[in-house]
């Protein structure tokens, strides 16, 4: 515990770090792969139409839902 406090004290940005687990599933064989990454940012995209006027308010929950929703990845 003492070393952890010293590490956070030397780098205040460490308090913003979090781990995120990603899940990738093949739709043909249903095999699943998990990976964990450490990050300090969530790269959220506002779920809005391109015709929406700039500066229009967007619901934060909608941004989170879009970020964590299932996404299909095309074959390479």
PDB file of N, CA and C in Angstrom:
ATOM      1  N   UNK A   1       0.827  -1.197   0.000  1.00  0.00           N
ATOM      2  CA  UNK A   1       0.000   0.000   0.000  1.00  0.00           C
ATOM      3  C   UNK A   1       0.875   1.267   0.000  1.00  0.00           C
ATOM      4  N   UNK A   2       1.976   1.190   0.700  1.00  0.00           N
ATOM      5  CA  UNK A   2       2.868   2.344   0.799  1.00  0.00           C
ATOM      6  C   UNK A   2       3.445   2.708  -0.569  1.00  0.00           C
ATOM      7  N   UNK A   3       3.862   1.691  -1.340  1.00  0.00           N
ATOM      8  CA  UNK A   3       4.410   1.926  -2.672  1.00  0.00           C
ATOM      9  C   UNK A   3       3.384   2.506  -3.617  1.00  0.00           C
ATOM     10  N   UNK A   4       2.124   2.069  -3.477  1.00  0.00           N
ATOM     11  CA  UNK A   4       1.035   2.579  -4.324  1.00  0.00           C
ATOM     12  C   UNK A   4       0.810   4.066  -4.073  1.00  0.00           C
ATOM     13  N   UNK A   5       0.843   4.481  -2.826  1.00  0.00           N
ATOM     14  CA  UNK A   5       0.670   5.898  -2.481  1.00  0.00           C
ATOM     15  C   UNK A   5       1.813   6.729  -3.061  1.00  0.00           C
ATOM     16  N   UNK A   6       3.020   6.217  -2.964  1.00  0.00           N
ATOM     17  CA  UNK A   6       4.184   6.938  -3.490  1.00  0.00           C
ATOM     18  C   UNK A   6       4.082   7.070  -5.002  1.00  0.00           C
ATOM     19  N   UNK A   7       3.604   6.009  -5.674  1.00  0.00           N
ATOM     20  CA  UNK A   7       3.472   6.040  -7.133  1.00  0.00           C
ATOM     21  C   UNK A   7       2.430   7.075  -7.556  1.00  0.00           C
ATOM     22  N   UNK A   8       1.286   7.112  -6.885  1.00  0.00           N
ATOM     23  CA  UNK A   8       0.243   8.084  -7.214  1.00  0.00           C
ATOM     24  C   UNK A   8       0.697   9.507  -6.909  1.00  0.00           C
ATOM     25  N   UNK A   9       1.504   9.665  -5.881  1.00  0.00           N
ATOM     26  CA  UNK A   9       1.989  10.978  -5.514  1.00  0.00           C
ATOM     27  C   UNK A   9       2.936  11.521  -6.584  1.00  0.00           C
ATOM     28  N   UNK A  10       3.754  10.650  -7.175  1.00  0.00           N
ATOM     29  CA  UNK A  10       4.714  11.100  -8.177  1.00  0.00           C
ATOM     30  C   UNK A  10       4.049  11.372  -9.525  1.00  0.00           C
ATOM     31  N   UNK A  11       2.904  10.733  -9.809  1.00  0.00           N
ATOM     32  CA  UNK A  11       2.185  10.939 -11.070  1.00  0.00           C
ATOM     33  C   UNK A  11       0.699  11.112 -10.779  1.00  0.00           C
ATOM     34  N   UNK A  12       0.240  12.345 -10.622  1.00  0.00           N
ATOM     35  CA  UNK A  12      -1.166  12.560 -10.271  1.00  0.00           C
ATOM     36  C   UNK A  12      -2.148  12.072 -11.334  1.00  0.00           C
ATOM     37  N   UNK A  13      -1.687  11.863 -12.558  1.00  0.00           N
ATOM     38  CA  UNK A  13      -2.565  11.362 -13.606  1.00  0.00           C
ATOM     39  C   UNK A  13      -2.982   9.919 -13.395  1.00  0.00           C
ATOM     40  N   UNK A  14      -2.254   9.183 -12.554  1.00  0.00           N
ATOM     41  CA  UNK A  14      -2.559   7.778 -12.278  1.00  0.00           C
ATOM     42  C   UNK A  14      -3.955   7.603 -11.683  1.00  0.00           C
ATOM     43  N   UNK A  15      -4.464   8.611 -10.996  1.00  0.00           N
ATOM     44  CA  UNK A  15      -5.785   8.454 -10.366  1.00  0.00           C
ATOM     45  C   UNK A  15      -6.900   8.364 -11.411  1.00  0.00           C
ATOM     46  N   UNK A  16      -6.616   8.755 -12.660  1.00  0.00           N
ATOM     47  CA  UNK A  16      -7.621   8.701 -13.717  1.00  0.00           C
ATOM     48  C   UNK A  16      -7.561   7.415 -14.529  1.00  0.00           C
ATOM     49  N   UNK A  17      -6.592   6.534 -14.245  1.00  0.00           N
ATOM     50  CA  UNK A  17      -6.464   5.295 -14.997  1.00  0.00           C
ATOM     51  C   UNK A  17      -7.547   4.305 -14.614  1.00  0.00           C
ATOM     52  N   UNK A  18      -8.007   3.557 -15.599  1.00  0.00           N
ATOM     53  CA  UNK A  18      -8.975   2.491 -15.371  1.00  0.00           C
ATOM     54  C   UNK A  18      -8.703   1.366 -16.359  1.00  0.00           C
ATOM     55  N   UNK A  19      -9.179   0.181 -16.024  1.00  0.00           N
ATOM     56  CA  UNK A  19      -9.035  -0.956 -16.921  1.00  0.00           C
ATOM     57  C   UNK A  19     -10.374  -1.241 -17.580  1.00  0.00           C
ATOM     58  N   UNK A  20     -10.332  -1.574 -18.867  1.00  0.00           N
ATOM     59  CA  UNK A  20     -11.546  -1.908 -19.588  1.00  0.00           C
ATOM     60  C   UNK A  20     -11.338  -3.251 -20.274  1.00  0.00           C
ATOM     61  N   UNK A  21     -12.332  -4.111 -20.140  1.00  0.00           N
ATOM     62  CA  UNK A  21     -12.277  -5.411 -20.783  1.00  0.00           C
ATOM     63  C   UNK A  21     -13.070  -5.355 -22.077  1.00  0.00           C
ATOM     64  N   UNK A  22     -12.460  -5.792 -23.171  1.00  0.00           N
ATOM     65  CA  UNK A  22     -13.130  -5.848 -24.472  1.00  0.00           C
ATOM     66  C   UNK A  22     -13.435  -7.296 -24.794  1.00  0.00           C
ATOM     67  N   UNK A  23     -14.587  -7.523 -25.395  1.00  0.00           N
ATOM     68  CA  UNK A  23     -15.030  -8.866 -25.754  1.00  0.00           C
ATOM     69  C   UNK A  23     -15.267  -8.906 -27.257  1.00  0.00           C
ATOM     70  N   UNK A  24     -14.621  -9.851 -27.927  1.00  0.00           N
ATOM     71  CA  UNK A  24     -14.756 -10.018 -29.369  1.00  0.00           C
ATOM     72  C   UNK A  24     -15.274 -11.429 -29.624  1.00  0.00           C
ATOM     73  N   UNK A  25     -16.425 -11.535 -30.330  1.00  0.00           N
ATOM     74  CA  UNK A  25     -17.030 -12.837 -30.585  1.00  0.00           C
ATOM     75  C   UNK A  25     -17.216 -13.054 -32.081  1.00  0.00           C
ATOM     76  N   UNK A  26     -16.793 -14.222 -32.558  1.00  0.00           N
ATOM     77  CA  UNK A  26     -16.972 -14.602 -33.951  1.00  0.00           C
ATOM     78  C   UNK A  26     -18.428 -15.020 -34.155  1.00  0.00           C
ATOM     79  N   UNK A  27     -19.079 -14.451 -35.168  1.00  0.00           N
ATOM     80  CA  UNK A  27     -20.485 -14.782 -35.409  1.00  0.00           C
ATOM     81  C   UNK A  27     -20.654 -16.131 -36.096  1.00  0.00           C
ATOM     82  N   UNK A  28     -19.580 -16.679 -36.655  1.00  0.00           N
ATOM     83  CA  UNK A  28     -19.665 -17.987 -37.322  1.00  0.00           C
ATOM     84  C   UNK A  28     -19.450 -19.141 -36.347  1.00  0.00           C
ATOM     85  N   UNK A  29     -18.380 -19.104 -35.571  1.00  0.00           N
ATOM     86  CA  UNK A  29     -18.070 -20.214 -34.663  1.00  0.00           C
ATOM     87  C   UNK A  29     -18.403 -19.899 -33.203  1.00  0.00           C
ATOM     88  N   UNK A  30     -18.770 -18.643 -32.914  1.00  0.00           N
ATOM     89  CA  UNK A  30     -19.130 -18.179 -31.564  1.00  0.00           C
ATOM     90  C   UNK A  30     -17.972 -18.211 -30.564  1.00  0.00           C
ATOM     91  N   UNK A  31     -16.744 -18.344 -31.057  1.00  0.00           N
ATOM     92  CA  UNK A  31     -15.596 -18.264 -30.153  1.00  0.00           C
ATOM     93  C   UNK A  31     -15.460 -16.830 -29.664  1.00  0.00           C
ATOM     94  N   UNK A  32     -14.963 -16.690 -28.437  1.00  0.00           N
ATOM     95  CA  UNK A  32     -14.866 -15.378 -27.798  1.00  0.00           C
ATOM     96  C   UNK A  32     -13.420 -15.121 -27.377  1.00  0.00           C
ATOM     97  N   UNK A  33     -12.976 -13.881 -27.566  1.00  0.00           N
ATOM     98  CA  UNK A  33     -11.648 -13.457 -27.121  1.00  0.00           C
ATOM     99  C   UNK A  33     -11.827 -12.232 -26.235  1.00  0.00           C
ATOM    100  N   UNK A  34     -11.189 -12.240 -25.084  1.00  0.00           N
ATOM    101  CA  UNK A  34     -11.227 -11.118 -24.162  1.00  0.00           C
ATOM    102  C   UNK A  34      -9.856 -10.469 -24.107  1.00  0.00           C
ATOM    103  N   UNK A  35      -9.840  -9.160 -24.013  1.00  0.00           N
ATOM    104  CA  UNK A  35      -8.586  -8.439 -23.813  1.00  0.00           C
ATOM    105  C   UNK A  35      -8.850  -7.284 -22.852  1.00  0.00           C
ATOM    106  N   UNK A  36      -7.841  -6.943 -22.086  1.00  0.00           N
ATOM    107  CA  UNK A  36      -7.959  -5.865 -21.105  1.00  0.00           C
ATOM    108  C   UNK A  36      -6.960  -4.777 -21.464  1.00  0.00           C
ATOM    109  N   UNK A  37      -7.434  -3.542 -21.430  1.00  0.00           N
ATOM    110  CA  UNK A  37      -6.551  -2.404 -21.691  1.00  0.00           C
ATOM    111  C   UNK A  37      -6.648  -1.417 -20.530  1.00  0.00           C
ATOM    112  N   UNK A  38      -5.581  -0.689 -20.308  1.00  0.00           N
ATOM    113  CA  UNK A  38      -5.563   0.385 -19.316  1.00  0.00           C
ATOM    114  C   UNK A  38      -5.598   1.695 -20.077  1.00  0.00           C
ATOM    115  N   UNK A  39      -6.483   2.590 -19.647  1.00  0.00           N
ATOM    116  CA  UNK A  39      -6.635   3.861 -20.355  1.00  0.00           C
ATOM    117  C   UNK A  39      -6.982   4.954 -19.354  1.00  0.00           C
ATOM    118  N   UNK A  40      -6.993   6.185 -19.830  1.00  0.00           N
ATOM    119  CA  UNK A  40      -7.394   7.324 -19.001  1.00  0.00           C
ATOM    120  C   UNK A  40      -8.543   8.093 -19.636  1.00  0.00           C
ATOM    121  N   UNK A  41      -8.951   7.692 -20.845  1.00  0.00           N
ATOM    122  CA  UNK A  41      -9.995   8.414 -21.575  1.00  0.00           C
ATOM    123  C   UNK A  41     -11.032   7.462 -22.149  1.00  0.00           C
ATOM    124  N   UNK A  42     -12.273   7.916 -22.215  1.00  0.00           N
ATOM    125  CA  UNK A  42     -13.312   7.239 -22.993  1.00  0.00           C
ATOM    126  C   UNK A  42     -13.557   8.112 -24.211  1.00  0.00           C
ATOM    127  N   UNK A  43     -13.372   7.563 -25.381  1.00  0.00           N
ATOM    128  CA  UNK A  43     -13.550   8.322 -26.612  1.00  0.00           C
ATOM    129  C   UNK A  43     -15.005   8.194 -27.057  1.00  0.00           C
ATOM    130  N   UNK A  44     -15.848   9.093 -26.561  1.00  0.00           N
ATOM    131  CA  UNK A  44     -17.276   9.031 -26.841  1.00  0.00           C
ATOM    132  C   UNK A  44     -17.617   9.825 -28.092  1.00  0.00           C
ATOM    133  N   UNK A  45     -18.548   9.284 -28.880  1.00  0.00           N
ATOM    134  CA  UNK A  45     -19.075  10.000 -30.039  1.00  0.00           C
ATOM    135  C   UNK A  45     -20.538  10.302 -29.764  1.00  0.00           C
ATOM    136  N   UNK A  46     -20.930  11.520 -30.004  1.00  0.00           N
ATOM    137  CA  UNK A  46     -22.322  11.902 -29.796  1.00  0.00           C
ATOM    138  C   UNK A  46     -23.195  11.241 -30.862  1.00  0.00           C
ATOM    139  N   UNK A  47     -24.258  10.547 -30.443  1.00  0.00           N
ATOM    140  CA  UNK A  47     -25.141   9.880 -31.401  1.00  0.00           C
ATOM    141  C   UNK A  47     -26.129  10.879 -32.014  1.00  0.00           C
ATOM    142  N   UNK A  48     -25.629  11.683 -32.955  1.00  0.00           N
ATOM    143  CA  UNK A  48     -26.476  12.698 -33.588  1.00  0.00           C
ATOM    144  C   UNK A  48     -26.373  12.591 -35.103  1.00  0.00           C
ATOM    145  N   UNK A  49     -27.390  13.074 -35.753  1.00  0.00           N
ATOM    146  CA  UNK A  49     -27.440  13.124 -37.210  1.00  0.00           C
ATOM    147  C   UNK A  49     -26.556  14.281 -37.683  1.00  0.00           C
ATOM    148  N   UNK A  50     -26.001  14.182 -38.859  1.00  0.00           N
ATOM    149  CA  UNK A  50     -25.127  15.236 -39.380  1.00  0.00           C
ATOM    150  C   UNK A  50     -25.889  16.546 -39.626  1.00  0.00           C
ATOM    151  N   UNK A  51     -27.219  16.477 -39.669  1.00  0.00           N
ATOM    152  CA  UNK A  51     -28.028  17.674 -39.926  1.00  0.00           C
ATOM    153  C   UNK A  51     -28.322  18.473 -38.655  1.00  0.00           C
ATOM    154  N   UNK A  52     -27.918  17.945 -37.493  1.00  0.00           N
ATOM    155  CA  UNK A  52     -28.183  18.615 -36.228  1.00  0.00           C
ATOM    156  C   UNK A  52     -27.317  19.861 -36.120  1.00  0.00           C
ATOM    157  N   UNK A  53     -27.906  20.921 -35.610  1.00  0.00           N
ATOM    158  CA  UNK A  53     -27.192  22.192 -35.477  1.00  0.00           C
ATOM    159  C   UNK A  53     -26.074  22.071 -34.438  1.00  0.00           C
ATOM    160  N   UNK A  54     -24.934  22.671 -34.741  1.00  0.00           N
ATOM    161  CA  UNK A  54     -23.787  22.650 -33.830  1.00  0.00           C
ATOM    162  C   UNK A  54     -24.180  23.301 -32.506  1.00  0.00           C
ATOM    163  N   UNK A  55     -23.766  22.696 -31.406  1.00  0.00           N
ATOM    164  CA  UNK A  55     -24.066  23.231 -30.088  1.00  0.00           C
ATOM    165  C   UNK A  55     -25.317  22.644 -29.468  1.00  0.00           C
ATOM    166  N   UNK A  56     -26.017  21.748 -30.186  1.00  0.00           N
ATOM    167  CA  UNK A  56     -27.208  21.114 -29.651  1.00  0.00           C
ATOM    168  C   UNK A  56     -26.807  20.166 -28.516  1.00  0.00           C
ATOM    169  N   UNK A  57     -27.564  20.178 -27.423  1.00  0.00           N
ATOM    170  CA  UNK A  57     -27.256  19.313 -26.290  1.00  0.00           C
ATOM    171  C   UNK A  57     -27.481  17.853 -26.651  1.00  0.00           C
ATOM    172  N   UNK A  58     -26.620  16.997 -26.088  1.00  0.00           N
ATOM    173  CA  UNK A  58     -26.704  15.556 -26.311  1.00  0.00           C
ATOM    174  C   UNK A  58     -26.747  14.878 -24.951  1.00  0.00           C
ATOM    175  N   UNK A  59     -27.602  13.871 -24.811  1.00  0.00           N
ATOM    176  CA  UNK A  59     -27.743  13.138 -23.556  1.00  0.00           C
ATOM    177  C   UNK A  59     -26.489  12.287 -23.316  1.00  0.00           C
ATOM    178  N   UNK A  60     -25.864  12.453 -22.160  1.00  0.00           N
ATOM    179  CA  UNK A  60     -24.648  11.714 -21.828  1.00  0.00           C
ATOM    180  C   UNK A  60     -24.898  10.212 -21.800  1.00  0.00           C
ATOM    181  N   UNK A  61     -26.055   9.794 -21.279  1.00  0.00           N
ATOM    182  CA  UNK A  61     -26.384   8.367 -21.245  1.00  0.00           C
ATOM    183  C   UNK A  61     -26.441   7.778 -22.658  1.00  0.00           C
ATOM    184  N   UNK A  62     -26.925   8.552 -23.615  1.00  0.00           N
ATOM    185  CA  UNK A  62     -26.978   8.082 -25.004  1.00  0.00           C
ATOM    186  C   UNK A  62     -25.567   7.880 -25.555  1.00  0.00           C
ATOM    187  N   UNK A  63     -24.641   8.740 -25.175  1.00  0.00           N
ATOM    188  CA  UNK A  63     -23.243   8.590 -25.596  1.00  0.00           C
ATOM    189  C   UNK A  63     -22.644   7.313 -25.022  1.00  0.00           C
ATOM    190  N   UNK A  64     -22.902   7.042 -23.752  1.00  0.00           N
ATOM    191  CA  UNK A  64     -22.393   5.833 -23.117  1.00  0.00           C
ATOM    192  C   UNK A  64     -23.008   4.578 -23.737  1.00  0.00           C
ATOM    193  N   UNK A  65     -24.313   4.620 -24.000  1.00  0.00           N
ATOM    194  CA  UNK A  65     -24.982   3.475 -24.630  1.00  0.00           C
ATOM    195  C   UNK A  65     -24.374   3.170 -25.993  1.00  0.00           C
ATOM    196  N   UNK A  66     -24.096   4.209 -26.760  1.00  0.00           N
ATOM    197  CA  UNK A  66     -23.498   4.004 -28.079  1.00  0.00           C
ATOM    198  C   UNK A  66     -22.093   3.417 -27.956  1.00  0.00           C
ATOM    199  N   UNK A  67     -21.323   3.912 -27.004  1.00  0.00           N
ATOM    200  CA  UNK A  67     -19.950   3.441 -26.816  1.00  0.00           C
ATOM    201  C   UNK A  67     -19.914   1.963 -26.444  1.00  0.00           C
ATOM    202  N   UNK A  68     -20.805   1.548 -25.540  1.00  0.00           N
ATOM    203  CA  UNK A  68     -20.784   0.183 -25.028  1.00  0.00           C
ATOM    204  C   UNK A  68     -21.694  -0.777 -25.795  1.00  0.00           C
ATOM    205  N   UNK A  69     -22.319  -0.330 -26.858  1.00  0.00           N
ATOM    206  CA  UNK A  69     -23.207  -1.189 -27.653  1.00  0.00           C
ATOM    207  C   UNK A  69     -22.394  -2.202 -28.471  1.00  0.00           C
ATOM    208  N   UNK A  70     -23.069  -3.272 -28.890  1.00  0.00           N
ATOM    209  CA  UNK A  70     -22.429  -4.258 -29.757  1.00  0.00           C
ATOM    210  C   UNK A  70     -22.166  -3.643 -31.128  1.00  0.00           C
ATOM    211  N   UNK A  71     -21.033  -4.008 -31.723  1.00  0.00           N
ATOM    212  CA  UNK A  71     -20.680  -3.516 -33.054  1.00  0.00           C
ATOM    213  C   UNK A  71     -20.201  -4.695 -33.896  1.00  0.00           C
ATOM    214  N   UNK A  72     -20.615  -4.735 -35.130  1.00  0.00           N
ATOM    215  CA  UNK A  72     -20.160  -5.771 -36.059  1.00  0.00           C
ATOM    216  C   UNK A  72     -18.884  -5.304 -36.736  1.00  0.00           C
ATOM    217  N   UNK A  73     -17.925  -6.213 -36.883  1.00  0.00           N
ATOM    218  CA  UNK A  73     -16.673  -5.918 -37.567  1.00  0.00           C
ATOM    219  C   UNK A  73     -16.655  -6.739 -38.842  1.00  0.00           C
ATOM    220  N   UNK A  74     -16.507  -6.069 -39.971  1.00  0.00           N
ATOM    221  CA  UNK A  74     -16.502  -6.756 -41.270  1.00  0.00           C
ATOM    222  C   UNK A  74     -15.250  -7.601 -41.425  1.00  0.00           C
ATOM    223  N   UNK A  75     -15.363  -8.667 -42.244  1.00  0.00           N
ATOM    224  CA  UNK A  75     -14.199  -9.509 -42.555  1.00  0.00           C
ATOM    225  C   UNK A  75     -13.137  -8.691 -43.253  1.00  0.00           C
ATOM    226  N   UNK A  76     -11.906  -9.046 -43.005  1.00  0.00           N
ATOM    227  CA  UNK A  76     -10.778  -8.340 -43.620  1.00  0.00           C
ATOM    228  C   UNK A  76     -10.283  -9.122 -44.796  1.00  0.00           C
TER     229      UNK A  76
END
